[in-house]
Amino acid sequence: MNLTSILSKIGLSQKVSQDIMLISFIALASFIYGMLIGRYRMMTVLINIYVAFALLSVVPVNFITDFSTKVVAFFAVLTGLTVLNRRFFDISLSNTGSGFLFRVFSMSFLQMTLILSIILSFLPEKVALEYVSKTAYSYLVTGWAPLIWMAAPLAYMFFIYKKINR
């Protein structure tokens, strides 16, 4: 029995259950991602996400025509950049203060949501709606959402460093 059917039995609609499952998945993936990447590479990976997205945005349209190839290329470029520039940027989350784990989790949450937003933007809307609800799709891909998800990790990073350096 899956969690969506359990939530449906409680009385929540299918759309709300899908949204709860998406948020739960992002939270779990963020926790695992944050623990695997660690504080030393968190900011480097964020910069690499931006660079990988920027590189794929300028690739000619007829070069990569399939959305699945674009998703694989995004992860390949992201992985390549992360492996190749181990010490290129010396930016890390400080482990001072009581909220260190919260800072790591929240930054990894923003990064995972940014990656999900980028992946969903590569997919055709019909294919993306097979995986997420229409509401979640609009929060991640339509209108101002991509700009917000691109800016949120940077804004949070500046907020963290401003708060730590006081």
C-alpha atoms as a PDB file:
ATOM      1  CA  MET A   1       0.000   0.000   0.000  1.00  0.00           C
ATOM      2  CA  ASN A   2       1.448   3.361  -0.923  1.00  0.00           C
ATOM      3  CA  LEU A   3       1.255   6.617   0.983  1.00  0.00           C
ATOM      4  CA  THR A   4      -0.907   8.318  -1.648  1.00  0.00           C
ATOM      5  CA  SER A   5      -3.689   5.771  -1.160  1.00  0.00           C
ATOM      6  CA  ILE A   6      -3.385   6.076   2.625  1.00  0.00           C
ATOM      7  CA  LEU A   7      -3.737   9.863   2.369  1.00  0.00           C
ATOM      8  CA  SER A   8      -6.708   9.406   0.032  1.00  0.00           C
ATOM      9  CA  LYS A   9      -8.402   7.157   2.605  1.00  0.00           C
ATOM     10  CA  ILE A  10      -7.978   9.879   5.221  1.00  0.00           C
ATOM     11  CA  GLY A  11     -10.016  12.170   3.004  1.00  0.00           C
ATOM     12  CA  LEU A  12      -7.414  14.158   1.112  1.00  0.00           C
ATOM     13  CA  SER A  13      -7.881  14.603  -2.599  1.00  0.00           C
ATOM     14  CA  GLN A  14      -5.597  12.932  -5.110  1.00  0.00           C
ATOM     15  CA  LYS A  15      -3.925  16.258  -5.994  1.00  0.00           C
ATOM     16  CA  VAL A  16      -3.158  17.121  -2.365  1.00  0.00           C
ATOM     17  CA  SER A  17      -1.816  13.597  -1.791  1.00  0.00           C
ATOM     18  CA  GLN A  18       0.480  13.960  -4.804  1.00  0.00           C
ATOM     19  CA  ASP A  19       1.739  17.294  -3.508  1.00  0.00           C
ATOM     20  CA  ILE A  20       2.392  15.839  -0.049  1.00  0.00           C
ATOM     21  CA  MET A  21       4.258  12.931  -1.639  1.00  0.00           C
ATOM     22  CA  LEU A  22       6.353  15.339  -3.739  1.00  0.00           C
ATOM     23  CA  ILE A  23       7.281  17.429  -0.708  1.00  0.00           C
ATOM     24  CA  SER A  24       8.090  14.256   1.261  1.00  0.00           C
ATOM     25  CA  PHE A  25      10.263  12.973  -1.580  1.00  0.00           C
ATOM     26  CA  ILE A  26      12.116  16.291  -1.875  1.00  0.00           C
ATOM     27  CA  ALA A  27      12.669  16.409   1.900  1.00  0.00           C
ATOM     28  CA  LEU A  28      14.026  12.844   2.032  1.00  0.00           C
ATOM     29  CA  ALA A  29      16.192  13.327  -1.061  1.00  0.00           C
ATOM     30  CA  SER A  30      17.460  16.636   0.381  1.00  0.00           C
ATOM     31  CA  PHE A  31      18.480  14.979   3.627  1.00  0.00           C
ATOM     32  CA  ILE A  32      20.325  12.177   1.829  1.00  0.00           C
ATOM     33  CA  TYR A  33      21.864  14.625  -0.654  1.00  0.00           C
ATOM     34  CA  GLY A  34      23.034  16.961   2.114  1.00  0.00           C
ATOM     35  CA  MET A  35      24.635  14.129   4.049  1.00  0.00           C
ATOM     36  CA  LEU A  36      26.353  12.719   0.946  1.00  0.00           C
ATOM     37  CA  ILE A  37      27.616  16.024  -0.446  1.00  0.00           C
ATOM     38  CA  GLY A  38      28.602  17.560   2.866  1.00  0.00           C
ATOM     39  CA  ARG A  39      29.101  21.153   3.831  1.00  0.00           C
ATOM     40  CA  TYR A  40      32.389  21.563   1.995  1.00  0.00           C
ATOM     41  CA  ARG A  41      30.977  20.812  -1.441  1.00  0.00           C
ATOM     42  CA  MET A  42      27.460  22.207  -1.020  1.00  0.00           C
ATOM     43  CA  MET A  43      28.209  25.635  -2.501  1.00  0.00           C
ATOM     44  CA  THR A  44      30.422  24.192  -5.231  1.00  0.00           C
ATOM     45  CA  VAL A  45      27.604  21.943  -6.385  1.00  0.00           C
ATOM     46  CA  LEU A  46      25.195  24.911  -6.350  1.00  0.00           C
ATOM     47  CA  ILE A  47      27.486  26.854  -8.651  1.00  0.00           C
ATOM     48  CA  ASN A  48      27.868  23.770 -10.854  1.00  0.00           C
ATOM     49  CA  ILE A  49      24.071  23.463 -11.128  1.00  0.00           C
ATOM     50  CA  TYR A  50      23.904  27.013 -12.468  1.00  0.00           C
ATOM     51  CA  VAL A  51      26.776  26.419 -14.885  1.00  0.00           C
ATOM     52  CA  ALA A  52      25.308  23.122 -16.167  1.00  0.00           C
ATOM     53  CA  PHE A  53      21.925  24.748 -16.724  1.00  0.00           C
ATOM     54  CA  ALA A  54      23.511  27.729 -18.449  1.00  0.00           C
ATOM     55  CA  LEU A  55      25.555  25.473 -20.732  1.00  0.00           C
ATOM     56  CA  LEU A  56      22.533  23.396 -21.726  1.00  0.00           C
ATOM     57  CA  SER A  57      20.473  26.536 -22.288  1.00  0.00           C
ATOM     58  CA  VAL A  58      22.825  27.699 -25.037  1.00  0.00           C
ATOM     59  CA  VAL A  59      23.157  24.352 -26.821  1.00  0.00           C
ATOM     60  CA  PRO A  60      21.555  24.619 -30.273  1.00  0.00           C
ATOM     61  CA  VAL A  61      18.002  23.253 -30.367  1.00  0.00           C
ATOM     62  CA  ASN A  62      18.710  20.755 -33.149  1.00  0.00           C
ATOM     63  CA  PHE A  63      21.740  19.306 -31.311  1.00  0.00           C
ATOM     64  CA  ILE A  64      19.766  17.829 -28.395  1.00  0.00           C
ATOM     65  CA  THR A  65      16.206  17.162 -29.522  1.00  0.00           C
ATOM     66  CA  ASP A  66      15.049  14.558 -26.995  1.00  0.00           C
ATOM     67  CA  PHE A  67      14.151  15.708 -23.476  1.00  0.00           C
ATOM     68  CA  SER A  68      15.573  12.561 -21.871  1.00  0.00           C
ATOM     69  CA  THR A  69      18.914  13.219 -23.559  1.00  0.00           C
ATOM     70  CA  LYS A  70      18.804  16.765 -22.202  1.00  0.00           C
ATOM     71  CA  VAL A  71      18.191  15.483 -18.656  1.00  0.00           C
ATOM     72  CA  VAL A  72      21.059  12.976 -18.962  1.00  0.00           C
ATOM     73  CA  ALA A  73      23.319  15.700 -20.410  1.00  0.00           C
ATOM     74  CA  PHE A  74      22.435  18.003 -17.492  1.00  0.00           C
ATOM     75  CA  PHE A  75      23.433  15.367 -14.939  1.00  0.00           C
ATOM     76  CA  ALA A  76      26.557  14.468 -16.930  1.00  0.00           C
ATOM     77  CA  VAL A  77      27.713  18.091 -17.062  1.00  0.00           C
ATOM     78  CA  LEU A  78      26.833  18.584 -13.380  1.00  0.00           C
ATOM     79  CA  THR A  79      28.743  15.458 -12.372  1.00  0.00           C
ATOM     80  CA  GLY A  80      31.687  16.331 -14.595  1.00  0.00           C
ATOM     81  CA  LEU A  81      31.953  19.847 -13.198  1.00  0.00           C
ATOM     82  CA  THR A  82      31.674  18.587  -9.640  1.00  0.00           C
ATOM     83  CA  VAL A  83      34.376  15.965 -10.128  1.00  0.00           C
ATOM     84  CA  LEU A  84      36.732  18.212 -12.099  1.00  0.00           C
ATOM     85  CA  ASN A  85      36.727  21.295  -9.909  1.00  0.00           C
ATOM     86  CA  ARG A  86      37.171  19.868  -6.441  1.00  0.00           C
ATOM     87  CA  ARG A  87      39.068  22.889  -5.155  1.00  0.00           C
ATOM     88  CA  PHE A  88      37.983  25.475  -7.723  1.00  0.00           C
ATOM     89  CA  PHE A  89      35.694  27.285  -5.300  1.00  0.00           C
ATOM     90  CA  ASP A  90      36.551  27.340  -1.634  1.00  0.00           C
ATOM     91  CA  ILE A  91      33.062  28.078  -0.346  1.00  0.00           C
ATOM     92  CA  SER A  92      31.555  25.977   2.399  1.00  0.00           C
ATOM     93  CA  LEU A  93      28.897  26.149   5.041  1.00  0.00           C
ATOM     94  CA  SER A  94      30.415  26.978   8.393  1.00  0.00           C
ATOM     95  CA  ASN A  95      29.829  24.514  11.195  1.00  0.00           C
ATOM     96  CA  THR A  96      29.641  27.237  13.799  1.00  0.00           C
ATOM     97  CA  GLY A  97      26.461  27.802  15.710  1.00  0.00           C
ATOM     98  CA  SER A  98      23.616  25.617  16.778  1.00  0.00           C
ATOM     99  CA  GLY A  99      21.755  25.616  13.459  1.00  0.00           C
ATOM    100  CA  PHE A 100      24.448  23.935  11.374  1.00  0.00           C
ATOM    101  CA  LEU A 101      22.390  20.860  10.419  1.00  0.00           C
ATOM    102  CA  PHE A 102      19.413  23.057   9.632  1.00  0.00           C
ATOM    103  CA  ARG A 103      21.574  25.189   7.305  1.00  0.00           C
ATOM    104  CA  VAL A 104      22.863  22.091   5.502  1.00  0.00           C
ATOM    105  CA  PHE A 105      19.360  20.612   5.183  1.00  0.00           C
ATOM    106  CA  SER A 106      17.754  23.853   4.026  1.00  0.00           C
ATOM    107  CA  MET A 107      20.460  24.526   1.427  1.00  0.00           C
ATOM    108  CA  SER A 108      20.219  20.957   0.129  1.00  0.00           C
ATOM    109  CA  PHE A 109      16.407  21.293   0.041  1.00  0.00           C
ATOM    110  CA  LEU A 110      16.689  24.426  -2.101  1.00  0.00           C
ATOM    111  CA  GLN A 111      19.226  22.738  -4.382  1.00  0.00           C
ATOM    112  CA  MET A 112      17.100  19.605  -4.825  1.00  0.00           C
ATOM    113  CA  THR A 113      14.051  21.738  -5.623  1.00  0.00           C
ATOM    114  CA  LEU A 114      16.124  23.734  -8.113  1.00  0.00           C
ATOM    115  CA  ILE A 115      17.287  20.510  -9.792  1.00  0.00           C
ATOM    116  CA  LEU A 116      13.689  19.228  -9.903  1.00  0.00           C
ATOM    117  CA  SER A 117      12.537  22.527 -11.405  1.00  0.00           C
ATOM    118  CA  ILE A 118      15.252  22.328 -14.073  1.00  0.00           C
ATOM    119  CA  ILE A 119      14.438  18.705 -14.929  1.00  0.00           C
ATOM    120  CA  LEU A 120      10.711  19.412 -15.154  1.00  0.00           C
ATOM    121  CA  SER A 121      11.426  22.413 -17.388  1.00  0.00           C
ATOM    122  CA  PHE A 122      13.272  20.100 -19.794  1.00  0.00           C
ATOM    123  CA  LEU A 123      10.304  17.724 -20.010  1.00  0.00           C
ATOM    124  CA  PRO A 124       7.219  18.403 -22.094  1.00  0.00           C
ATOM    125  CA  GLU A 125       4.333  19.446 -19.860  1.00  0.00           C
ATOM    126  CA  LYS A 126       2.325  16.312 -20.657  1.00  0.00           C
ATOM    127  CA  VAL A 127       5.211  14.047 -19.599  1.00  0.00           C
ATOM    128  CA  ALA A 128       5.982  16.105 -16.485  1.00  0.00           C
ATOM    129  CA  LEU A 129       2.340  15.915 -15.349  1.00  0.00           C
ATOM    130  CA  GLU A 130       2.674  12.131 -15.244  1.00  0.00           C
ATOM    131  CA  TYR A 131       5.085  12.578 -12.318  1.00  0.00           C
ATOM    132  CA  VAL A 132       3.782  15.645 -10.465  1.00  0.00           C
ATOM    133  CA  SER A 133       0.427  17.327 -10.007  1.00  0.00           C
ATOM    134  CA  LYS A 134      -0.617  20.379 -12.008  1.00  0.00           C
ATOM    135  CA  THR A 135      -0.279  22.525  -8.874  1.00  0.00           C
ATOM    136  CA  ALA A 136       3.258  21.331  -8.156  1.00  0.00           C
ATOM    137  CA  TYR A 137       4.154  21.794 -11.823  1.00  0.00           C
ATOM    138  CA  SER A 138       2.974  25.396 -11.711  1.00  0.00           C
ATOM    139  CA  TYR A 139       4.955  26.026  -8.498  1.00  0.00           C
ATOM    140  CA  LEU A 140       8.110  24.606 -10.061  1.00  0.00           C
ATOM    141  CA  VAL A 141       8.024  25.461 -13.777  1.00  0.00           C
ATOM    142  CA  THR A 142       5.466  28.024 -14.929  1.00  0.00           C
ATOM    143  CA  GLY A 143       5.690  31.804 -14.839  1.00  0.00           C
ATOM    144  CA  TRP A 144       8.122  33.289 -12.342  1.00  0.00           C
ATOM    145  CA  ALA A 145       8.746  29.955 -10.585  1.00  0.00           C
ATOM    146  CA  PRO A 146      12.006  29.059 -12.399  1.00  0.00           C
ATOM    147  CA  LEU A 147      13.464  32.473 -11.589  1.00  0.00           C
ATOM    148  CA  ILE A 148      12.431  32.152  -7.953  1.00  0.00           C
ATOM    149  CA  TRP A 149      13.972  28.662  -7.657  1.00  0.00           C
ATOM    150  CA  MET A 150      17.165  29.889  -9.349  1.00  0.00           C
ATOM    151  CA  ALA A 151      17.459  32.885  -7.018  1.00  0.00           C
ATOM    152  CA  ALA A 152      16.365  31.249  -3.737  1.00  0.00           C
ATOM    153  CA  PRO A 153      19.593  29.267  -3.054  1.00  0.00           C
ATOM    154  CA  LEU A 154      21.722  32.324  -3.790  1.00  0.00           C
ATOM    155  CA  ALA A 155      19.612  34.546  -1.566  1.00  0.00           C
ATOM    156  CA  TYR A 156      19.729  31.941   1.188  1.00  0.00           C
ATOM    157  CA  MET A 157      23.507  31.599   0.822  1.00  0.00           C
ATOM    158  CA  PHE A 158      23.941  35.361   1.246  1.00  0.00           C
ATOM    159  CA  PHE A 159      21.562  35.313   4.216  1.00  0.00           C
ATOM    160  CA  ILE A 160      23.529  32.498   5.889  1.00  0.00           C
ATOM    161  CA  TYR A 161      26.902  34.209   5.471  1.00  0.00           C
ATOM    162  CA  LYS A 162      25.553  37.567   6.593  1.00  0.00           C
ATOM    163  CA  LYS A 163      24.067  35.963   9.704  1.00  0.00           C
ATOM    164  CA  ILE A 164      27.207  33.900  10.486  1.00  0.00           C
ATOM    165  CA  ASN A 165      29.628  36.790   9.990  1.00  0.00           C
ATOM    166  CA  ARG A 166      27.861  39.118  12.471  1.00  0.00           C
END
